[in-house]
Amino acid sequence: MSQMLALLLIVAILYIGDAISVRTKAWIPSVFVCAVLFLIGYWTFFPKDIVSVAGIGTPVAVMMMYLLITNMGTLLSLKELVNQWKTIVISLAGIAGITAAVFVVCMIMFDLNTAIVTIPPLVGGIVSSIIMSKGAADAGLVDLSVFAILIYVMQGFAGYPLTAIMLQREGKRVLKKYRAGQWKDDSVAPPSDKHEPTTIVAEDKMPRLFSAIPTHYNTSYFKFFRLAAVAYLAYLASSAVSPFVSISPFVLCLLFGVIAASFGFLEKQPLQKANGFGFAVMVLMLFIFDTLNKATPEMLLRLLFPMVILIATAIIGMFIVSWIVGKILGVSMEMAFAISLTALYGFPADYIITNEAITALTKDEKERQVLTNHMLGPMLVGGFISVTMVSVVMAGIMVGYITPVAG
C-alpha cells in the first residue's frame, strides 16, 4: 500500500467518526466509531502497519505526546489543581472501586494473576498495559499477556458511550439552571433578554516572562520552541530521578506545563495558538488505534467472556464508589461517574468526548463557555490522575507480584 493511500484511508476513518458523532449529537462518540472501523479494516484488507506506512511512526507519536500533554498542563493552573481537589478524590475513589471489584470477582471466578494483570490496564492506558503485558509474558502467561493489551483496546467501547450519556445529562442540568439564572459562574455573564451575538477574540500576546518582547515576535515557532523546552525539562527530570524512582516523563510534562503556565513561561493552550493542536491530536489518535492491529477475531472470541465480565465489574465498582463519594462531596452522580470513567480511556478521548457533548448541547458561545468551565477541567484532571499518573505507578508495583508458571 502506498503512503498516500494509507493516509487517505485512516484520515477518512477519523472523518467518518466525526461525522457520525455530529449526526448523532455525540451519543455515538467519534472515537468509538473509529475503533470499530479500524478493527474491520485490520480484519479485512488493512496492512497491520497501515499507520506507520502513512508516515506516523512511534517517534512522531511520542513527540506529539510530549507536546500535547505539556500543552494540556497549561489549562490547569496550580490554583486550578487545588480547586479540583474534589475531582482528584473522586478519581482516586473510582480507581479504588475498580481495584476492589475486579480483585473480588477474579478471586471468585479466575485467579490472582488475572487480577494483577487486569487492574492496571483498566485504570490506565497503553503504558500500564504494556508493562503488565510484558510482565505476564516474562512469567510465561501468554494468554494474560495478550489479555492486558486486549483490555486496553476494548475498555473504551464501554467507556465512550457511557461518558457521552453522563455528560449529556450533566450538561442539560447545568444549562437548565443557567437559563433560569440560577447557575453561578463568575467568568461568564448570565443570560440577558438582549440576544446579542457573542464573539471570542483570542489575544496572541506574549506570556508574562516575555512581556518586554514585542508581540509580533510570538510566532508559531516560538510557541513550539517553548513547549519543546518545557517537555525536554520534564524528560531530563525523569531521567535524573530514574536511578531512585521510576517516574514517567509524561507525568512530569503535565506538572511542568502547569508550572510553566503559572510562572508565565507558557501561555494557555500554546499548541492551539501555534495552529498545531488538530494535527497533534490526529497523530495521537492514530497511534492509539494502531494498537487495535493486535486484536484478532480468534483472540476476541477466546478472551471475550473474561473481558466482558471484568470490564463490567470495573464499571459497576467505579460507579458505586464514585457515586457515594460524589454525594458526600456535593458532586452530581453524572459528573462523578463521568470523572471516574476517564480511567477507561484518558487523554485525548476525554477532551474530545467532552467537547463533542458541549457542541451537541448548545451553539451559544456563552453557554458553551459555562459548560466548558464546568466539565472540561474535571474531565482532564480525572483522566490525568487515573491514566497518566496512578495507573503507571500501580503497574510498576503490581507487575512484581505476578506468579510465574511453574517449570
Protein backbone atom coordinates (compact mmCIF):
# COMPACT_ATOMS: atom_id res chain seq x y z
CA MET A 1 0.00 0.00 0.00
CA SER A 2 1.33 3.44 -0.89
CA GLN A 3 1.87 6.05 1.81
CA MET A 4 -0.79 8.44 0.49
CA LEU A 5 -3.43 5.71 0.14
CA ALA A 6 -2.75 4.62 3.73
CA LEU A 7 -3.02 8.23 4.92
CA LEU A 8 -6.22 8.76 2.91
CA LEU A 9 -7.88 5.67 4.43
CA ILE A 10 -7.04 6.37 8.06
CA VAL A 11 -7.94 10.07 7.86
CA ALA A 12 -11.21 9.08 6.16
CA ILE A 13 -11.98 6.89 9.18
CA LEU A 14 -11.34 9.81 11.52
CA TYR A 15 -13.71 11.99 9.48
CA ILE A 16 -16.43 9.31 9.36
CA GLY A 17 -16.18 9.08 13.15
CA ASP A 18 -16.56 12.85 13.43
CA ALA A 19 -19.48 12.93 11.00
CA ILE A 20 -21.40 10.19 12.81
CA SER A 21 -20.72 11.88 16.15
CA VAL A 22 -22.10 15.19 14.85
CA ARG A 23 -25.09 13.46 13.27
CA THR A 24 -25.98 11.62 16.50
CA LYS A 25 -25.25 14.67 18.69
CA ALA A 26 -22.34 12.81 20.41
CA TRP A 27 -24.49 9.88 21.53
CA ILE A 28 -22.12 7.79 19.43
CA PRO A 29 -18.64 9.25 20.11
CA SER A 30 -16.23 9.52 17.20
CA VAL A 31 -13.54 7.51 18.98
CA PHE A 32 -15.96 4.56 19.29
CA VAL A 33 -16.83 4.66 15.58
CA CYS A 34 -13.16 4.95 14.60
CA ALA A 35 -12.18 1.99 16.77
CA VAL A 36 -14.83 -0.22 15.13
CA LEU A 37 -13.79 0.87 11.63
CA PHE A 38 -10.11 0.25 12.35
CA LEU A 39 -10.94 -3.25 13.64
CA ILE A 40 -12.92 -4.01 10.48
CA GLY A 41 -10.03 -2.68 8.39
CA TYR A 42 -7.43 -4.78 10.19
CA TRP A 43 -9.61 -7.87 9.83
CA THR A 44 -10.06 -7.35 6.09
CA PHE A 45 -7.60 -5.51 3.86
CA PHE A 46 -5.59 -3.10 6.04
CA PRO A 47 -1.90 -3.92 6.43
CA LYS A 48 -1.09 -4.31 10.12
CA ASP A 49 1.29 -1.37 9.93
CA ILE A 50 -1.01 0.98 7.99
CA VAL A 51 -0.43 3.84 10.46
CA SER A 52 3.35 3.52 10.08
CA VAL A 53 3.01 3.23 6.29
CA ALA A 54 1.11 6.53 6.35
CA GLY A 55 4.18 8.11 7.93
CA ILE A 56 3.04 8.22 11.55
CA GLY A 57 5.58 6.10 13.36
CA THR A 58 6.27 5.77 17.06
CA PRO A 59 8.85 8.63 17.21
CA VAL A 60 6.36 11.09 15.71
CA ALA A 61 3.60 9.93 18.06
CA VAL A 62 5.85 10.18 21.12
CA MET A 63 6.91 13.70 20.10
CA MET A 64 3.26 14.73 19.86
CA MET A 65 2.52 13.14 23.24
CA TYR A 66 5.23 15.29 24.84
CA LEU A 67 3.85 18.46 23.24
CA LEU A 68 0.18 17.63 23.83
CA ILE A 69 0.49 16.69 27.49
CA THR A 70 2.65 19.76 28.19
CA ASN A 71 0.06 21.85 26.34
CA MET A 72 -2.78 20.34 28.41
CA GLY A 73 -0.87 21.28 31.56
CA THR A 74 -1.24 24.94 30.59
CA LEU A 75 -5.01 24.58 31.03
CA LEU A 76 -4.55 23.84 34.72
CA SER A 77 -3.01 26.46 36.95
CA LEU A 78 -1.69 25.48 40.38
CA LYS A 79 -4.74 27.24 41.79
CA GLU A 80 -6.96 25.19 39.47
CA LEU A 81 -5.40 21.93 40.70
CA VAL A 82 -6.12 22.96 44.28
CA ASN A 83 -9.64 23.90 43.24
CA GLN A 84 -10.05 20.48 41.59
CA TRP A 85 -9.41 18.56 44.82
CA LYS A 86 -12.89 17.07 44.66
CA THR A 87 -12.14 15.74 41.17
CA ILE A 88 -8.91 14.17 42.40
CA VAL A 89 -10.71 12.49 45.33
CA ILE A 90 -13.47 11.18 43.04
CA SER A 91 -10.93 9.87 40.53
CA LEU A 92 -9.00 8.05 43.25
CA ALA A 93 -12.27 6.70 44.65
CA GLY A 94 -13.20 5.37 41.21
CA ILE A 95 -9.80 3.65 40.98
CA ALA A 96 -10.38 2.10 44.40
CA GLY A 97 -13.79 0.88 43.23
CA ILE A 98 -12.27 -0.73 40.13
CA THR A 99 -9.49 -2.37 42.13
CA ALA A 100 -11.75 -3.81 44.84
CA ALA A 101 -14.47 -5.06 42.49
CA VAL A 102 -12.11 -6.67 39.95
CA PHE A 103 -10.00 -8.27 42.67
CA VAL A 104 -13.03 -9.88 44.33
CA VAL A 105 -14.50 -11.18 41.06
CA CYS A 106 -11.14 -12.52 39.86
CA MET A 107 -10.59 -14.41 43.10
CA ILE A 108 -14.05 -15.97 42.77
CA MET A 109 -14.11 -16.73 39.02
CA PHE A 110 -10.50 -16.63 37.80
CA ASP A 111 -7.21 -16.32 39.73
CA LEU A 112 -4.80 -13.88 41.39
CA ASN A 113 -2.63 -13.43 38.30
CA THR A 114 -5.69 -12.38 36.27
CA ALA A 115 -6.50 -9.74 38.88
CA ILE A 116 -2.93 -8.43 38.98
CA VAL A 117 -2.58 -8.21 35.19
CA THR A 118 -6.06 -6.76 34.60
CA ILE A 119 -6.34 -3.95 37.16
CA PRO A 120 -3.62 -1.50 35.91
CA PRO A 121 -4.84 -1.53 32.25
CA LEU A 122 -8.43 -0.99 33.45
CA VAL A 123 -7.26 2.02 35.46
CA GLY A 124 -4.98 3.38 32.75
CA GLY A 125 -3.74 3.42 29.21
CA ILE A 126 -1.15 1.99 26.89
CA VAL A 127 1.86 2.41 29.22
CA SER A 128 0.37 0.37 32.08
CA SER A 129 -0.98 -2.18 29.57
CA ILE A 130 2.45 -2.67 28.03
CA ILE A 131 4.07 -3.04 31.47
CA MET A 132 1.59 -5.73 32.53
CA SER A 133 1.67 -7.47 29.14
CA LYS A 134 5.46 -7.74 29.24
CA GLY A 135 5.38 -8.88 32.87
CA ALA A 136 2.88 -11.63 32.05
CA ALA A 137 4.89 -12.72 29.00
CA ASP A 138 8.08 -12.89 31.08
CA ALA A 139 6.21 -15.08 33.58
CA GLY A 140 5.11 -17.46 30.82
CA LEU A 141 1.47 -16.35 30.92
CA VAL A 142 0.84 -15.96 27.19
CA ASP A 143 -2.95 -15.53 27.35
CA LEU A 144 -2.71 -12.93 30.10
CA SER A 145 -0.03 -11.10 28.13
CA VAL A 146 -2.49 -10.73 25.26
CA PHE A 147 -5.35 -10.04 27.69
CA ALA A 148 -3.61 -6.95 29.11
CA ILE A 149 -3.49 -5.35 25.65
CA LEU A 150 -7.00 -6.53 24.77
CA ILE A 151 -8.46 -4.94 27.92
CA TYR A 152 -6.84 -1.64 26.96
CA VAL A 153 -8.12 -1.92 23.39
CA MET A 154 -11.70 -2.82 24.30
CA GLN A 155 -12.50 -0.96 27.53
CA GLY A 156 -13.16 2.29 25.69
CA PHE A 157 -16.05 0.60 23.88
CA ALA A 158 -17.90 0.70 27.20
CA GLY A 159 -16.42 3.96 28.44
CA TYR A 160 -17.11 6.17 25.40
CA PRO A 161 -20.93 5.87 25.15
CA LEU A 162 -21.40 5.85 28.94
CA THR A 163 -19.37 9.05 29.27
CA ALA A 164 -21.32 10.70 26.45
CA ILE A 165 -24.60 9.86 28.22
CA MET A 166 -23.39 11.18 31.58
CA LEU A 167 -22.03 14.43 30.09
CA GLN A 168 -25.21 14.98 28.07
CA ARG A 169 -27.32 14.63 31.22
CA GLU A 170 -24.98 16.82 33.27
CA GLY A 171 -24.86 19.47 30.53
CA LYS A 172 -28.65 19.62 30.30
CA ARG A 173 -28.88 20.05 34.09
CA VAL A 174 -26.34 22.90 34.05
CA LEU A 175 -27.96 24.66 31.07
CA LYS A 176 -31.39 24.46 32.69
CA LYS A 177 -30.03 26.23 35.77
CA TYR A 178 -28.04 28.76 33.72
CA ARG A 179 -31.00 29.69 31.56
CA ALA A 180 -33.10 30.15 34.69
CA GLY A 181 -30.43 32.48 36.14
CA GLN A 182 -29.61 30.01 38.94
CA TRP A 183 -26.10 28.98 37.83
CA LYS A 184 -23.11 30.65 39.49
CA ASP A 185 -20.07 31.12 37.27
CA ASP A 186 -18.19 34.39 37.76
CA SER A 187 -16.30 34.04 34.47
CA VAL A 188 -19.48 34.05 32.39
CA ALA A 189 -22.18 36.71 32.38
CA PRO A 190 -25.74 35.44 33.00
CA PRO A 191 -28.11 35.34 30.03
CA SER A 192 -29.94 38.57 29.27
CA ASP A 193 -33.10 39.43 27.38
CA LYS A 194 -30.99 41.01 24.65
CA HIS A 195 -29.81 38.38 22.21
CA GLU A 196 -26.52 39.96 21.32
CA PRO A 197 -24.08 37.99 19.18
CA THR A 198 -21.02 36.96 21.13
CA THR A 199 -17.55 36.79 19.67
CA ILE A 200 -14.43 35.44 21.29
CA VAL A 201 -11.22 37.12 20.25
CA ALA A 202 -8.11 35.17 21.12
CA GLU A 203 -5.32 37.50 22.17
CA ASP A 204 -1.96 36.29 20.93
CA LYS A 205 0.11 38.26 23.38
CA MET A 206 3.43 37.27 24.94
CA PRO A 207 3.31 35.34 28.23
CA ARG A 208 4.33 37.25 31.34
CA LEU A 209 8.05 36.34 31.38
CA PHE A 210 8.44 37.65 27.82
CA SER A 211 6.24 40.74 28.13
CA ALA A 212 9.18 43.01 27.20
CA ILE A 213 9.39 41.38 23.76
CA PRO A 214 7.04 42.79 21.08
CA THR A 215 4.00 40.60 20.40
CA HIS A 216 4.83 40.13 16.72
CA TYR A 217 7.84 38.02 17.73
CA ASN A 218 5.48 35.47 19.30
CA THR A 219 5.43 33.33 16.15
CA SER A 220 4.29 29.71 15.88
CA TYR A 221 7.91 28.57 16.03
CA PHE A 222 8.48 30.48 19.27
CA LYS A 223 5.45 28.75 20.79
CA PHE A 224 6.72 25.34 19.63
CA PHE A 225 10.19 26.17 20.96
CA ARG A 226 8.91 26.99 24.43
CA LEU A 227 6.65 23.92 24.50
CA ALA A 228 9.57 21.70 23.47
CA ALA A 229 11.82 23.32 26.10
CA VAL A 230 9.36 22.54 28.90
CA ALA A 231 8.84 18.98 27.62
CA TYR A 232 12.61 18.48 27.46
CA LEU A 233 12.99 19.67 31.06
CA ALA A 234 10.36 17.08 32.05
CA TYR A 235 12.34 14.41 30.20
CA LEU A 236 15.58 15.46 31.93
CA ALA A 237 13.91 15.41 35.35
CA SER A 238 12.50 11.93 34.69
CA SER A 239 15.95 10.68 33.64
CA ALA A 240 17.65 12.32 36.65
CA VAL A 241 15.46 10.55 39.22
CA SER A 242 15.31 7.21 37.34
CA PRO A 243 18.08 5.58 39.44
CA PHE A 244 15.98 6.18 42.56
CA VAL A 245 12.35 6.13 41.42
CA SER A 246 10.61 5.50 38.11
CA ILE A 247 8.50 8.50 37.05
CA SER A 248 7.03 8.69 33.58
CA PRO A 249 8.25 11.78 31.70
CA PHE A 250 4.65 12.29 30.56
CA VAL A 251 3.54 12.70 34.17
CA LEU A 252 6.21 15.36 34.59
CA CYS A 253 5.19 17.02 31.28
CA LEU A 254 1.78 17.68 32.80
CA LEU A 255 3.28 19.02 36.01
CA PHE A 256 5.88 21.14 34.21
CA GLY A 257 3.18 22.50 31.88
CA VAL A 258 1.16 23.64 34.89
CA ILE A 259 4.22 25.27 36.47
CA ALA A 260 5.39 26.91 33.20
CA ALA A 261 1.96 28.46 32.64
CA SER A 262 1.69 29.57 36.27
CA PHE A 263 5.06 31.37 36.12
CA GLY A 264 4.39 32.97 32.74
CA PHE A 265 6.78 30.94 30.56
CA LEU A 266 3.88 29.46 28.57
CA GLU A 267 0.54 31.00 27.67
CA LYS A 268 -2.64 28.94 27.91
CA GLN A 269 -3.03 26.45 25.04
CA PRO A 270 0.10 27.40 23.05
CA LEU A 271 -0.37 24.44 20.71
CA GLN A 272 -3.76 25.74 19.59
CA LYS A 273 -2.34 29.23 19.07
CA ALA A 274 0.52 27.75 17.02
CA ASN A 275 -2.09 26.01 14.80
CA GLY A 276 -0.67 22.60 15.69
CA PHE A 277 -3.29 21.13 18.00
CA GLY A 278 -5.51 19.46 15.40
CA PHE A 279 -2.61 17.69 13.73
CA ALA A 280 -1.16 16.61 17.08
CA VAL A 281 -4.47 15.08 18.20
CA MET A 282 -4.80 13.29 14.85
CA VAL A 283 -1.35 11.74 15.25
CA LEU A 284 -2.03 10.61 18.81
CA MET A 285 -5.44 9.14 17.97
CA LEU A 286 -3.94 7.17 15.07
CA PHE A 287 -1.17 5.92 17.37
CA ILE A 288 -3.83 4.64 19.79
CA PHE A 289 -5.88 2.96 17.05
CA ASP A 290 -2.68 1.35 15.76
CA THR A 291 -2.75 -0.95 18.81
CA LEU A 292 -6.00 -2.50 17.51
CA ASN A 293 -3.98 -4.48 14.98
CA LYS A 294 -3.23 -6.93 17.81
CA ALA A 295 -6.89 -7.81 18.40
CA THR A 296 -7.62 -10.72 16.04
CA PRO A 297 -11.11 -12.27 15.81
CA GLU A 298 -9.79 -15.53 17.32
CA MET A 299 -8.29 -13.65 20.25
CA LEU A 300 -11.51 -11.78 20.89
CA LEU A 301 -13.55 -14.99 20.92
CA ARG A 302 -11.16 -16.78 23.26
CA LEU A 303 -10.97 -13.95 25.76
CA LEU A 304 -14.45 -12.47 25.25
CA PHE A 305 -16.05 -13.88 28.42
CA PRO A 306 -13.41 -12.76 30.96
CA MET A 307 -13.03 -9.44 29.15
CA VAL A 308 -16.77 -8.62 29.31
CA ILE A 309 -17.07 -9.78 32.91
CA LEU A 310 -14.10 -7.76 34.17
CA ILE A 311 -14.89 -4.57 32.23
CA ALA A 312 -18.49 -4.71 33.51
CA THR A 313 -17.22 -5.37 37.02
CA ALA A 314 -14.86 -2.39 36.83
CA ILE A 315 -17.66 -0.09 35.66
CA ILE A 316 -20.02 -1.23 38.41
CA GLY A 317 -17.28 -0.87 41.05
CA MET A 318 -16.30 2.64 39.95
CA PHE A 319 -19.95 3.72 39.67
CA ILE A 320 -20.86 2.66 43.20
CA VAL A 321 -17.81 4.20 44.88
CA SER A 322 -17.74 7.41 42.80
CA TRP A 323 -21.49 7.93 43.37
CA ILE A 324 -21.08 7.59 47.15
CA VAL A 325 -18.01 9.85 47.28
CA GLY A 326 -19.61 12.35 44.87
CA LYS A 327 -22.71 12.52 47.06
CA ILE A 328 -20.54 13.22 50.11
CA LEU A 329 -18.64 15.96 48.24
CA GLY A 330 -21.75 17.53 46.70
CA VAL A 331 -20.93 16.48 43.11
CA SER A 332 -23.75 15.19 40.89
CA MET A 333 -23.90 11.47 40.16
CA GLU A 334 -23.47 12.13 36.41
CA MET A 335 -20.35 14.27 36.83
CA ALA A 336 -18.78 11.96 39.42
CA PHE A 337 -19.34 8.89 37.22
CA ALA A 338 -18.03 10.70 34.11
CA ILE A 339 -14.85 11.67 36.01
CA SER A 340 -14.32 8.04 37.06
CA LEU A 341 -14.96 6.76 33.53
CA THR A 342 -11.95 8.69 32.23
CA ALA A 343 -9.87 5.83 33.68
CA LEU A 344 -11.09 3.72 30.75
CA TYR A 345 -9.56 5.91 28.05
CA GLY A 346 -7.81 9.08 29.33
CA PHE A 347 -6.47 11.84 27.08
CA PRO A 348 -7.23 12.78 24.30
CA ALA A 349 -10.55 10.91 24.32
CA ASP A 350 -11.70 12.72 27.48
CA TYR A 351 -11.05 16.07 25.78
CA ILE A 352 -12.78 15.02 22.55
CA ILE A 353 -15.87 13.45 24.17
CA THR A 354 -16.39 16.47 26.44
CA ASN A 355 -16.14 18.91 23.54
CA GLU A 356 -18.50 16.77 21.45
CA ALA A 357 -21.08 16.79 24.25
CA ILE A 358 -20.80 20.58 24.64
CA THR A 359 -21.12 21.13 20.88
CA ALA A 360 -24.19 18.89 20.74
CA LEU A 361 -25.93 20.69 23.61
CA THR A 362 -25.65 24.34 22.51
CA LYS A 363 -24.36 26.66 19.82
CA ASP A 364 -24.42 29.77 22.06
CA GLU A 365 -20.86 30.82 22.94
CA LYS A 366 -21.69 31.92 26.49
CA GLU A 367 -23.48 28.63 27.20
CA ARG A 368 -20.57 26.71 25.69
CA GLN A 369 -18.20 28.60 27.99
CA VAL A 370 -20.37 27.73 31.01
CA LEU A 371 -20.30 24.02 30.10
CA THR A 372 -16.58 24.11 29.31
CA ASN A 373 -15.76 25.75 32.65
CA HIS A 374 -17.88 23.19 34.49
CA MET A 375 -16.97 19.94 32.70
CA LEU A 376 -13.67 20.15 30.82
CA GLY A 377 -11.35 20.80 33.79
CA PRO A 378 -12.65 17.90 35.91
CA MET A 379 -12.60 15.52 32.93
CA LEU A 380 -8.98 16.40 32.09
CA VAL A 381 -7.82 16.20 35.70
CA GLY A 382 -9.66 12.89 36.19
CA GLY A 383 -8.00 11.40 33.12
CA PHE A 384 -4.54 12.63 34.09
CA ILE A 385 -4.86 11.35 37.67
CA SER A 386 -6.00 7.86 36.66
CA VAL A 387 -4.45 7.13 33.27
CA THR A 388 -1.30 9.23 33.23
CA MET A 389 -0.29 9.00 36.89
CA VAL A 390 -1.87 6.35 39.12
CA SER A 391 -2.09 3.54 36.56
CA VAL A 392 1.63 3.71 35.75
CA VAL A 393 2.54 3.64 39.45
CA MET A 394 0.15 0.71 40.03
CA ALA A 395 1.57 -1.23 37.07
CA GLY A 396 5.13 -0.67 38.28
CA ILE A 397 4.25 -2.07 41.70
CA MET A 398 1.85 -4.90 40.74
CA VAL A 399 3.98 -6.37 37.96
CA GLY A 400 6.37 -7.63 40.67
CA TYR A 401 3.58 -9.76 42.17
CA ILE A 402 2.82 -11.86 39.07
CA THR A 403 3.36 -15.52 39.85
CA PRO A 404 5.37 -17.25 37.07
CA VAL A 405 4.20 -20.52 35.52
CA ALA A 406 5.81 -23.45 37.34
CA GLY A 407 8.56 -25.18 35.40
